[in-house]
C-alpha atoms as a PDB file:
ATOM      1  CA  UNK A   1    -108.756  44.338  68.988  1.00  0.00           C
ATOM      2  CA  UNK A   2    -108.836  44.823  72.735  1.00  0.00           C
ATOM      3  CA  UNK A   3    -105.798  45.448  74.929  1.00  0.00           C
ATOM      4  CA  UNK A   4    -107.213  43.221  77.643  1.00  0.00           C
ATOM      5  CA  UNK A   5    -104.757  40.767  79.200  1.00  0.00           C
ATOM      6  CA  UNK A   6    -107.273  38.022  78.448  1.00  0.00           C
ATOM      7  CA  UNK A   7    -106.650  38.614  74.745  1.00  0.00           C
ATOM      8  CA  UNK A   8    -102.992  37.762  75.256  1.00  0.00           C
ATOM      9  CA  UNK A   9    -103.762  34.187  76.375  1.00  0.00           C
ATOM     10  CA  UNK A  10    -103.041  31.887  73.453  1.00  0.00           C
ATOM     11  CA  UNK A  11    -102.567  28.157  73.088  1.00  0.00           C
ATOM     12  CA  UNK A  12    -103.339  27.284  76.710  1.00  0.00           C
ATOM     13  CA  UNK A  13    -100.956  29.833  78.230  1.00  0.00           C
ATOM     14  CA  UNK A  14    -101.625  30.632  81.859  1.00  0.00           C
ATOM     15  CA  UNK A  15    -103.744  33.648  82.609  1.00  0.00           C
ATOM     16  CA  UNK A  16    -101.154  34.846  85.129  1.00  0.00           C
ATOM     17  CA  UNK A  17     -98.561  35.032  82.366  1.00  0.00           C
ATOM     18  CA  UNK A  18    -100.897  37.296  80.439  1.00  0.00           C
ATOM     19  CA  UNK A  19    -100.662  39.767  83.319  1.00  0.00           C
ATOM     20  CA  UNK A  20     -96.868  39.660  83.197  1.00  0.00           C
ATOM     21  CA  UNK A  21     -96.467  37.347  86.169  1.00  0.00           C
ATOM     22  CA  UNK A  22     -93.869  34.608  86.019  1.00  0.00           C
ATOM     23  CA  UNK A  23     -95.372  31.145  86.435  1.00  0.00           C
ATOM     24  CA  UNK A  24     -92.687  28.508  87.010  1.00  0.00           C
ATOM     25  CA  UNK A  25     -93.174  25.144  85.352  1.00  0.00           C
ATOM     26  CA  UNK A  26     -91.804  21.761  86.328  1.00  0.00           C
ATOM     27  CA  UNK A  27     -89.878  20.028  83.599  1.00  0.00           C
ATOM     28  CA  UNK A  28     -90.775  16.549  82.378  1.00  0.00           C
ATOM     29  CA  UNK A  29     -87.416  15.282  83.623  1.00  0.00           C
ATOM     30  CA  UNK A  30     -88.093  16.654  87.097  1.00  0.00           C
ATOM     31  CA  UNK A  31     -91.561  15.076  87.222  1.00  0.00           C
ATOM     32  CA  UNK A  32     -90.202  11.741  85.981  1.00  0.00           C
ATOM     33  CA  UNK A  33     -87.441  11.810  88.601  1.00  0.00           C
ATOM     34  CA  UNK A  34     -89.959  12.448  91.378  1.00  0.00           C
ATOM     35  CA  UNK A  35     -92.150   9.642  90.033  1.00  0.00           C
ATOM     36  CA  UNK A  36     -89.237   7.190  90.065  1.00  0.00           C
ATOM     37  CA  UNK A  37     -88.242   8.188  93.612  1.00  0.00           C
ATOM     38  CA  UNK A  38     -91.846   7.736  94.799  1.00  0.00           C
ATOM     39  CA  UNK A  39     -92.040   4.350  93.084  1.00  0.00           C
ATOM     40  CA  UNK A  40     -88.777   3.235  94.733  1.00  0.00           C
ATOM     41  CA  UNK A  41     -90.020   4.351  98.166  1.00  0.00           C
ATOM     42  CA  UNK A  42     -93.260   2.442  97.583  1.00  0.00           C
ATOM     43  CA  UNK A  43     -91.251  -0.636  96.587  1.00  0.00           C
ATOM     44  CA  UNK A  44     -89.203  -0.357  99.779  1.00  0.00           C
ATOM     45  CA  UNK A  45     -92.396  -0.145 101.825  1.00  0.00           C
ATOM     46  CA  UNK A  46     -93.785  -3.193 100.041  1.00  0.00           C
ATOM     47  CA  UNK A  47     -90.660  -5.265 100.729  1.00  0.00           C
ATOM     48  CA  UNK A  48     -90.504  -4.162 104.373  1.00  0.00           C
ATOM     49  CA  UNK A  49     -94.163  -5.055 104.882  1.00  0.00           C
ATOM     50  CA  UNK A  50     -93.322  -8.707 104.225  1.00  0.00           C
ATOM     51  CA  UNK A  51     -89.719  -8.797 105.493  1.00  0.00           C
ATOM     52  CA  UNK A  52     -90.224  -7.285 108.956  1.00  0.00           C
ATOM     53  CA  UNK A  53     -92.408  -8.477 111.779  1.00  0.00           C
ATOM     54  CA  UNK A  54     -94.977  -5.976 113.069  1.00  0.00           C
ATOM     55  CA  UNK A  55     -93.210  -3.726 115.552  1.00  0.00           C
ATOM     56  CA  UNK A  56     -92.779  -0.125 116.591  1.00  0.00           C
ATOM     57  CA  UNK A  57     -89.625   0.101 114.451  1.00  0.00           C
ATOM     58  CA  UNK A  58     -91.501  -0.992 111.318  1.00  0.00           C
ATOM     59  CA  UNK A  59     -94.274   1.502 112.070  1.00  0.00           C
ATOM     60  CA  UNK A  60     -91.778   4.332 112.464  1.00  0.00           C
ATOM     61  CA  UNK A  61     -90.039   3.361 109.211  1.00  0.00           C
ATOM     62  CA  UNK A  62     -93.393   3.379 107.394  1.00  0.00           C
ATOM     63  CA  UNK A  63     -94.292   6.773 108.859  1.00  0.00           C
ATOM     64  CA  UNK A  64     -90.972   8.301 107.802  1.00  0.00           C
ATOM     65  CA  UNK A  65     -91.230   6.881 104.265  1.00  0.00           C
ATOM     66  CA  UNK A  66     -94.845   8.043 104.019  1.00  0.00           C
ATOM     67  CA  UNK A  67     -93.884  11.561 105.083  1.00  0.00           C
ATOM     68  CA  UNK A  68     -91.225  11.702 102.356  1.00  0.00           C
ATOM     69  CA  UNK A  69     -93.689  10.420  99.769  1.00  0.00           C
ATOM     70  CA  UNK A  70     -96.361  12.900 100.853  1.00  0.00           C
ATOM     71  CA  UNK A  71     -93.846  15.752 100.709  1.00  0.00           C
ATOM     72  CA  UNK A  72     -92.831  14.768  97.173  1.00  0.00           C
ATOM     73  CA  UNK A  73     -96.435  14.635  96.031  1.00  0.00           C
ATOM     74  CA  UNK A  74     -97.329  17.962  97.612  1.00  0.00           C
ATOM     75  CA  UNK A  75     -94.197  19.773  96.449  1.00  0.00           C
ATOM     76  CA  UNK A  76     -94.071  18.583  92.847  1.00  0.00           C
ATOM     77  CA  UNK A  77     -97.455  17.263  91.761  1.00  0.00           C
ATOM     78  CA  UNK A  78     -99.504  19.841  93.678  1.00  0.00           C
ATOM     79  CA  UNK A  79     -97.008  22.595  92.711  1.00  0.00           C
ATOM     80  CA  UNK A  80     -96.395  23.728  96.295  1.00  0.00           C
ATOM     81  CA  UNK A  81     -92.679  23.995  95.467  1.00  0.00           C
ATOM     82  CA  UNK A  82     -93.373  27.160  93.507  1.00  0.00           C
ATOM     83  CA  UNK A  83     -95.584  28.830  96.120  1.00  0.00           C
ATOM     84  CA  UNK A  84     -94.722  31.410  98.741  1.00  0.00           C
ATOM     85  CA  UNK A  85     -92.915  30.110 101.813  1.00  0.00           C
ATOM     86  CA  UNK A  86     -95.713  31.341 104.102  1.00  0.00           C
ATOM     87  CA  UNK A  87     -98.273  29.263 102.241  1.00  0.00           C
ATOM     88  CA  UNK A  88     -96.015  26.210 102.348  1.00  0.00           C
ATOM     89  CA  UNK A  89     -95.545  26.541 106.107  1.00  0.00           C
ATOM     90  CA  UNK A  90     -99.278  27.019 106.672  1.00  0.00           C
ATOM     91  CA  UNK A  91     -99.830  23.626 105.030  1.00  0.00           C
ATOM     92  CA  UNK A  92     -96.781  21.709 106.263  1.00  0.00           C
ATOM     93  CA  UNK A  93     -96.710  22.698 109.943  1.00  0.00           C
ATOM     94  CA  UNK A  94    -100.197  21.362 110.744  1.00  0.00           C
ATOM     95  CA  UNK A  95     -99.277  18.222 108.809  1.00  0.00           C
ATOM     96  CA  UNK A  96     -96.350  17.624 111.167  1.00  0.00           C
ATOM     97  CA  UNK A  97     -98.675  17.754 114.170  1.00  0.00           C
ATOM     98  CA  UNK A  98    -101.173  15.417 112.509  1.00  0.00           C
ATOM     99  CA  UNK A  99     -98.435  12.891 111.692  1.00  0.00           C
ATOM    100  CA  UNK A 100     -97.159  13.156 115.259  1.00  0.00           C
ATOM    101  CA  UNK A 101    -100.665  12.466 116.595  1.00  0.00           C
ATOM    102  CA  UNK A 102    -101.110   9.469 114.289  1.00  0.00           C
ATOM    103  CA  UNK A 103     -97.702   8.113 115.283  1.00  0.00           C
ATOM    104  CA  UNK A 104     -98.573   8.386 118.971  1.00  0.00           C
ATOM    105  CA  UNK A 105    -101.910   6.658 118.412  1.00  0.00           C
ATOM    106  CA  UNK A 106    -100.289   3.799 116.503  1.00  0.00           C
ATOM    107  CA  UNK A 107     -97.526   3.333 119.043  1.00  0.00           C
ATOM    108  CA  UNK A 108     -99.982   3.388 121.955  1.00  0.00           C
ATOM    109  CA  UNK A 109    -102.297   0.847 120.360  1.00  0.00           C
ATOM    110  CA  UNK A 110     -99.428  -1.589 119.703  1.00  0.00           C
ATOM    111  CA  UNK A 111     -98.227  -1.451 123.305  1.00  0.00           C
END
């Protein structure tokens, strides 16, 4: 029998754990909570789409809700929550500028 770390991987365990690295896992409760929050935010967007007249305020509300939904997806379902802070910032900071650009384009086209 070999002493290779690959031999220590059993029953679908992560390869990183075989090397002694800690790999955090999200619990089912945590994932379900995030799912419910995302579903509620989507429901709010759906109701607002029919309840409010098209305006800059509605667009801003949609952008803010979309940013929260995107953050939840990236943090929990793409496991960015467990990554290094530098990697998170390298993904999130450009996203802020892109959202800002899209918001400006939408506001300018409605004017």
